[in-house]
PDB file of N, CA and C in Angstrom:
ATOM      1  N   UNK A   1      41.650  -4.215 -22.282  1.00  0.00           N
ATOM      2  CA  UNK A   1      41.044  -4.490 -20.997  1.00  0.00           C
ATOM      3  C   UNK A   1      39.557  -4.791 -21.168  1.00  0.00           C
ATOM      4  N   UNK A   2      39.237  -5.852 -21.837  1.00  0.00           N
ATOM      5  CA  UNK A   2      37.844  -6.206 -22.067  1.00  0.00           C
ATOM      6  C   UNK A   2      37.266  -7.080 -20.970  1.00  0.00           C
ATOM      7  N   UNK A   3      38.077  -7.536 -20.024  1.00  0.00           N
ATOM      8  CA  UNK A   3      37.583  -8.400 -18.961  1.00  0.00           C
ATOM      9  C   UNK A   3      37.151  -7.621 -17.719  1.00  0.00           C
ATOM     10  N   UNK A   4      37.022  -6.312 -17.829  1.00  0.00           N
ATOM     11  CA  UNK A   4      36.591  -5.490 -16.702  1.00  0.00           C
ATOM     12  C   UNK A   4      35.079  -5.570 -16.530  1.00  0.00           C
ATOM     13  N   UNK A   5      34.637  -5.504 -15.277  1.00  0.00           N
ATOM     14  CA  UNK A   5      33.210  -5.458 -14.965  1.00  0.00           C
ATOM     15  C   UNK A   5      32.715  -4.044 -15.268  1.00  0.00           C
ATOM     16  N   UNK A   6      31.406  -3.870 -15.450  1.00  0.00           N
ATOM     17  CA  UNK A   6      30.881  -2.541 -15.804  1.00  0.00           C
ATOM     18  C   UNK A   6      31.288  -1.428 -14.839  1.00  0.00           C
ATOM     19  N   UNK A   7      31.325  -1.710 -13.529  1.00  0.00           N
ATOM     20  CA  UNK A   7      31.664  -0.673 -12.548  1.00  0.00           C
ATOM     21  C   UNK A   7      33.159  -0.376 -12.507  1.00  0.00           C
ATOM     22  N   UNK A   8      33.961  -1.147 -13.228  1.00  0.00           N
ATOM     23  CA  UNK A   8      35.404  -0.938 -13.229  1.00  0.00           C
ATOM     24  C   UNK A   8      35.863  -0.025 -14.369  1.00  0.00           C
ATOM     25  N   UNK A   9      34.918   0.502 -15.117  1.00  0.00           N
ATOM     26  CA  UNK A   9      35.235   1.418 -16.211  1.00  0.00           C
ATOM     27  C   UNK A   9      35.055   2.861 -15.740  1.00  0.00           C
ATOM     28  N   UNK A  10      35.881   3.742 -16.267  1.00  0.00           N
ATOM     29  CA  UNK A  10      35.746   5.161 -15.949  1.00  0.00           C
ATOM     30  C   UNK A  10      34.502   5.696 -16.643  1.00  0.00           C
ATOM     31  N   UNK A  11      33.682   6.440 -15.899  1.00  0.00           N
ATOM     32  CA  UNK A  11      32.467   7.028 -16.442  1.00  0.00           C
ATOM     33  C   UNK A  11      32.829   8.270 -17.253  1.00  0.00           C
ATOM     34  N   UNK A  12      32.035   8.596 -18.281  1.00  0.00           N
ATOM     35  CA  UNK A  12      32.365   9.741 -19.144  1.00  0.00           C
ATOM     36  C   UNK A  12      32.508  11.065 -18.394  1.00  0.00           C
ATOM     37  N   UNK A  13      31.720  11.264 -17.338  1.00  0.00           N
ATOM     38  CA  UNK A  13      31.755  12.531 -16.599  1.00  0.00           C
ATOM     39  C   UNK A  13      32.616  12.459 -15.335  1.00  0.00           C
ATOM     40  N   UNK A  14      33.464  11.448 -15.240  1.00  0.00           N
ATOM     41  CA  UNK A  14      34.245  11.191 -14.033  1.00  0.00           C
ATOM     42  C   UNK A  14      35.717  11.543 -14.254  1.00  0.00           C
ATOM     43  N   UNK A  15      36.261  12.367 -13.378  1.00  0.00           N
ATOM     44  CA  UNK A  15      37.679  12.702 -13.459  1.00  0.00           C
ATOM     45  C   UNK A  15      38.544  11.508 -13.070  1.00  0.00           C
ATOM     46  N   UNK A  16      39.797  11.533 -13.487  1.00  0.00           N
ATOM     47  CA  UNK A  16      40.708  10.405 -13.232  1.00  0.00           C
ATOM     48  C   UNK A  16      40.880  10.136 -11.731  1.00  0.00           C
ATOM     49  N   UNK A  17      41.057  11.183 -10.939  1.00  0.00           N
ATOM     50  CA  UNK A  17      41.260  11.007  -9.495  1.00  0.00           C
ATOM     51  C   UNK A  17      40.021  10.386  -8.843  1.00  0.00           C
ATOM     52  N   UNK A  18      38.833  10.858  -9.212  1.00  0.00           N
ATOM     53  CA  UNK A  18      37.592  10.307  -8.659  1.00  0.00           C
ATOM     54  C   UNK A  18      37.426   8.851  -9.083  1.00  0.00           C
ATOM     55  N   UNK A  19      37.728   8.552 -10.329  1.00  0.00           N
ATOM     56  CA  UNK A  19      37.649   7.185 -10.855  1.00  0.00           C
ATOM     57  C   UNK A  19      38.556   6.239 -10.061  1.00  0.00           C
ATOM     58  N   UNK A  20      39.801   6.630  -9.850  1.00  0.00           N
ATOM     59  CA  UNK A  20      40.742   5.777  -9.120  1.00  0.00           C
ATOM     60  C   UNK A  20      40.318   5.606  -7.664  1.00  0.00           C
ATOM     61  N   UNK A  21      39.797   6.676  -7.053  1.00  0.00           N
ATOM     62  CA  UNK A  21      39.318   6.585  -5.676  1.00  0.00           C
ATOM     63  C   UNK A  21      38.114   5.643  -5.594  1.00  0.00           C
ATOM     64  N   UNK A  22      37.207   5.740  -6.558  1.00  0.00           N
ATOM     65  CA  UNK A  22      36.038   4.861  -6.581  1.00  0.00           C
ATOM     66  C   UNK A  22      36.468   3.410  -6.723  1.00  0.00           C
ATOM     67  N   UNK A  23      37.416   3.143  -7.609  1.00  0.00           N
ATOM     68  CA  UNK A  23      37.906   1.774  -7.785  1.00  0.00           C
ATOM     69  C   UNK A  23      38.554   1.241  -6.509  1.00  0.00           C
ATOM     70  N   UNK A  24      39.324   2.090  -5.843  1.00  0.00           N
ATOM     71  CA  UNK A  24      40.034   1.676  -4.634  1.00  0.00           C
ATOM     72  C   UNK A  24      39.059   1.309  -3.513  1.00  0.00           C
ATOM     73  N   UNK A  25      37.889   1.913  -3.518  1.00  0.00           N
ATOM     74  CA  UNK A  25      36.913   1.699  -2.456  1.00  0.00           C
ATOM     75  C   UNK A  25      35.748   0.816  -2.896  1.00  0.00           C
ATOM     76  N   UNK A  26      35.912   0.072  -3.993  1.00  0.00           N
ATOM     77  CA  UNK A  26      34.857  -0.800  -4.514  1.00  0.00           C
ATOM     78  C   UNK A  26      35.313  -2.248  -4.533  1.00  0.00           C
ATOM     79  N   UNK A  27      34.386  -3.148  -4.204  1.00  0.00           N
ATOM     80  CA  UNK A  27      34.656  -4.578  -4.288  1.00  0.00           C
ATOM     81  C   UNK A  27      34.915  -4.943  -5.746  1.00  0.00           C
ATOM     82  N   UNK A  28      35.989  -5.643  -6.006  1.00  0.00           N
ATOM     83  CA  UNK A  28      36.322  -6.014  -7.378  1.00  0.00           C
ATOM     84  C   UNK A  28      35.418  -7.116  -7.898  1.00  0.00           C
ATOM     85  N   UNK A  29      34.680  -7.775  -7.019  1.00  0.00           N
ATOM     86  CA  UNK A  29      33.790  -8.850  -7.454  1.00  0.00           C
ATOM     87  C   UNK A  29      32.382  -8.363  -7.767  1.00  0.00           C
ATOM     88  N   UNK A  30      31.827  -7.459  -6.928  1.00  0.00           N
ATOM     89  CA  UNK A  30      30.421  -7.072  -7.108  1.00  0.00           C
ATOM     90  C   UNK A  30      30.206  -5.567  -7.245  1.00  0.00           C
ATOM     91  N   UNK A  31      31.223  -4.745  -6.970  1.00  0.00           N
ATOM     92  CA  UNK A  31      31.084  -3.299  -7.088  1.00  0.00           C
ATOM     93  C   UNK A  31      30.620  -2.594  -5.825  1.00  0.00           C
ATOM     94  N   UNK A  32      30.370  -3.338  -4.751  1.00  0.00           N
ATOM     95  CA  UNK A  32      29.959  -2.747  -3.473  1.00  0.00           C
ATOM     96  C   UNK A  32      31.006  -1.729  -3.034  1.00  0.00           C
ATOM     97  N   UNK A  33      30.552  -0.575  -2.530  1.00  0.00           N
ATOM     98  CA  UNK A  33      31.480   0.482  -2.114  1.00  0.00           C
ATOM     99  C   UNK A  33      31.524   0.625  -0.609  1.00  0.00           C
ATOM    100  N   UNK A  34      32.720   0.849  -0.102  1.00  0.00           N
ATOM    101  CA  UNK A  34      32.964   1.101   1.325  1.00  0.00           C
ATOM    102  C   UNK A  34      33.997   2.208   1.442  1.00  0.00           C
ATOM    103  N   UNK A  35      33.759   3.163   2.338  1.00  0.00           N
ATOM    104  CA  UNK A  35      34.763   4.194   2.607  1.00  0.00           C
ATOM    105  C   UNK A  35      35.908   3.642   3.436  1.00  0.00           C
ATOM    106  N   UNK A  36      35.594   2.702   4.309  1.00  0.00           N
ATOM    107  CA  UNK A  36      36.579   2.082   5.198  1.00  0.00           C
ATOM    108  C   UNK A  36      37.226   0.898   4.474  1.00  0.00           C
ATOM    109  N   UNK A  37      38.521   0.988   4.202  1.00  0.00           N
ATOM    110  CA  UNK A  37      39.195  -0.079   3.455  1.00  0.00           C
ATOM    111  C   UNK A  37      39.237  -1.389   4.227  1.00  0.00           C
ATOM    112  N   UNK A  38      39.254  -1.331   5.550  1.00  0.00           N
ATOM    113  CA  UNK A  38      39.197  -2.547   6.355  1.00  0.00           C
ATOM    114  C   UNK A  38      37.861  -3.255   6.180  1.00  0.00           C
ATOM    115  N   UNK A  39      36.779  -2.474   6.179  1.00  0.00           N
ATOM    116  CA  UNK A  39      35.445  -3.044   5.957  1.00  0.00           C
ATOM    117  C   UNK A  39      35.337  -3.602   4.542  1.00  0.00           C
ATOM    118  N   UNK A  40      35.952  -2.921   3.585  1.00  0.00           N
ATOM    119  CA  UNK A  40      35.935  -3.415   2.209  1.00  0.00           C
ATOM    120  C   UNK A  40      36.673  -4.740   2.099  1.00  0.00           C
ATOM    121  N   UNK A  41      37.799  -4.860   2.765  1.00  0.00           N
ATOM    122  CA  UNK A  41      38.560  -6.117   2.731  1.00  0.00           C
ATOM    123  C   UNK A  41      37.729  -7.261   3.308  1.00  0.00           C
ATOM    124  N   UNK A  42      37.013  -7.002   4.406  1.00  0.00           N
ATOM    125  CA  UNK A  42      36.147  -8.031   4.992  1.00  0.00           C
ATOM    126  C   UNK A  42      35.024  -8.397   4.034  1.00  0.00           C
ATOM    127  N   UNK A  43      34.453  -7.382   3.379  1.00  0.00           N
ATOM    128  CA  UNK A  43      33.395  -7.639   2.406  1.00  0.00           C
ATOM    129  C   UNK A  43      33.912  -8.526   1.276  1.00  0.00           C
ATOM    130  N   UNK A  44      35.078  -8.183   0.732  1.00  0.00           N
ATOM    131  CA  UNK A  44      35.637  -8.958  -0.377  1.00  0.00           C
ATOM    132  C   UNK A  44      35.926 -10.397   0.029  1.00  0.00           C
ATOM    133  N   UNK A  45      36.288 -10.617   1.297  1.00  0.00           N
ATOM    134  CA  UNK A  45      36.508 -11.980   1.782  1.00  0.00           C
ATOM    135  C   UNK A  45      35.213 -12.787   1.769  1.00  0.00           C
ATOM    136  N   UNK A  46      34.075 -12.118   2.029  1.00  0.00           N
ATOM    137  CA  UNK A  46      32.779 -12.792   2.063  1.00  0.00           C
ATOM    138  C   UNK A  46      32.118 -12.891   0.693  1.00  0.00           C
ATOM    139  N   UNK A  47      32.492 -12.024  -0.212  1.00  0.00           N
ATOM    140  CA  UNK A  47      31.796 -11.884  -1.491  1.00  0.00           C
ATOM    141  C   UNK A  47      32.146 -13.027  -2.442  1.00  0.00           C
ATOM    142  N   UNK A  48      31.135 -13.595  -3.052  1.00  0.00           N
ATOM    143  CA  UNK A  48      31.350 -14.678  -4.016  1.00  0.00           C
ATOM    144  C   UNK A  48      31.918 -14.108  -5.307  1.00  0.00           C
ATOM    145  N   UNK A  49      32.687 -14.907  -5.987  1.00  0.00           N
ATOM    146  CA  UNK A  49      33.313 -14.482  -7.235  1.00  0.00           C
ATOM    147  C   UNK A  49      32.493 -14.981  -8.425  1.00  0.00           C
ATOM    148  N   UNK A  50      31.195 -14.650  -8.403  1.00  0.00           N
ATOM    149  CA  UNK A  50      30.342 -14.995  -9.544  1.00  0.00           C
ATOM    150  C   UNK A  50      29.177 -14.021  -9.614  1.00  0.00           C
ATOM    151  N   UNK A  51      28.368 -14.124 -10.652  1.00  0.00           N
ATOM    152  CA  UNK A  51      27.286 -13.171 -10.871  1.00  0.00           C
ATOM    153  C   UNK A  51      26.110 -13.357  -9.919  1.00  0.00           C
ATOM    154  N   UNK A  52      26.019 -14.487  -9.231  1.00  0.00           N
ATOM    155  CA  UNK A  52      24.903 -14.706  -8.320  1.00  0.00           C
ATOM    156  C   UNK A  52      25.107 -13.978  -7.002  1.00  0.00           C
ATOM    157  N   UNK A  53      26.329 -13.612  -6.682  1.00  0.00           N
ATOM    158  CA  UNK A  53      26.691 -12.906  -5.455  1.00  0.00           C
ATOM    159  C   UNK A  53      26.311 -13.709  -4.217  1.00  0.00           C
ATOM    160  N   UNK A  54      26.267 -15.018  -4.319  1.00  0.00           N
ATOM    161  CA  UNK A  54      25.982 -15.852  -3.156  1.00  0.00           C
ATOM    162  C   UNK A  54      27.079 -15.609  -2.126  1.00  0.00           C
ATOM    163  N   UNK A  55      26.699 -15.309  -0.918  1.00  0.00           N
ATOM    164  CA  UNK A  55      27.661 -15.012   0.132  1.00  0.00           C
ATOM    165  C   UNK A  55      28.003 -13.540   0.215  1.00  0.00           C
ATOM    166  N   UNK A  56      27.481 -12.746  -0.696  1.00  0.00           N
ATOM    167  CA  UNK A  56      27.744 -11.313  -0.708  1.00  0.00           C
ATOM    168  C   UNK A  56      26.647 -10.605   0.070  1.00  0.00           C
ATOM    169  N   UNK A  57      27.024  -9.777   1.013  1.00  0.00           N
ATOM    170  CA  UNK A  57      26.039  -9.059   1.824  1.00  0.00           C
ATOM    171  C   UNK A  57      25.817  -7.636   1.331  1.00  0.00           C
ATOM    172  N   UNK A  58      26.268  -7.342   0.121  1.00  0.00           N
ATOM    173  CA  UNK A  58      26.134  -5.989  -0.423  1.00  0.00           C
ATOM    174  C   UNK A  58      24.687  -5.605  -0.607  1.00  0.00           C
TER     175      UNK A  58
END
């Protein structure tokens, strides 16, 4: 799994459950976090799929 973004990796001090919860609530394109999954889905729709984050309001 070398194509993962830095925020998609489990941190050394992070438990598995916390890691999976963080991933579930993070934008897969930019790493922006939202507690509300509906808000996250809207964010991901707006977020650009590149490193410039053009269109991303994070």
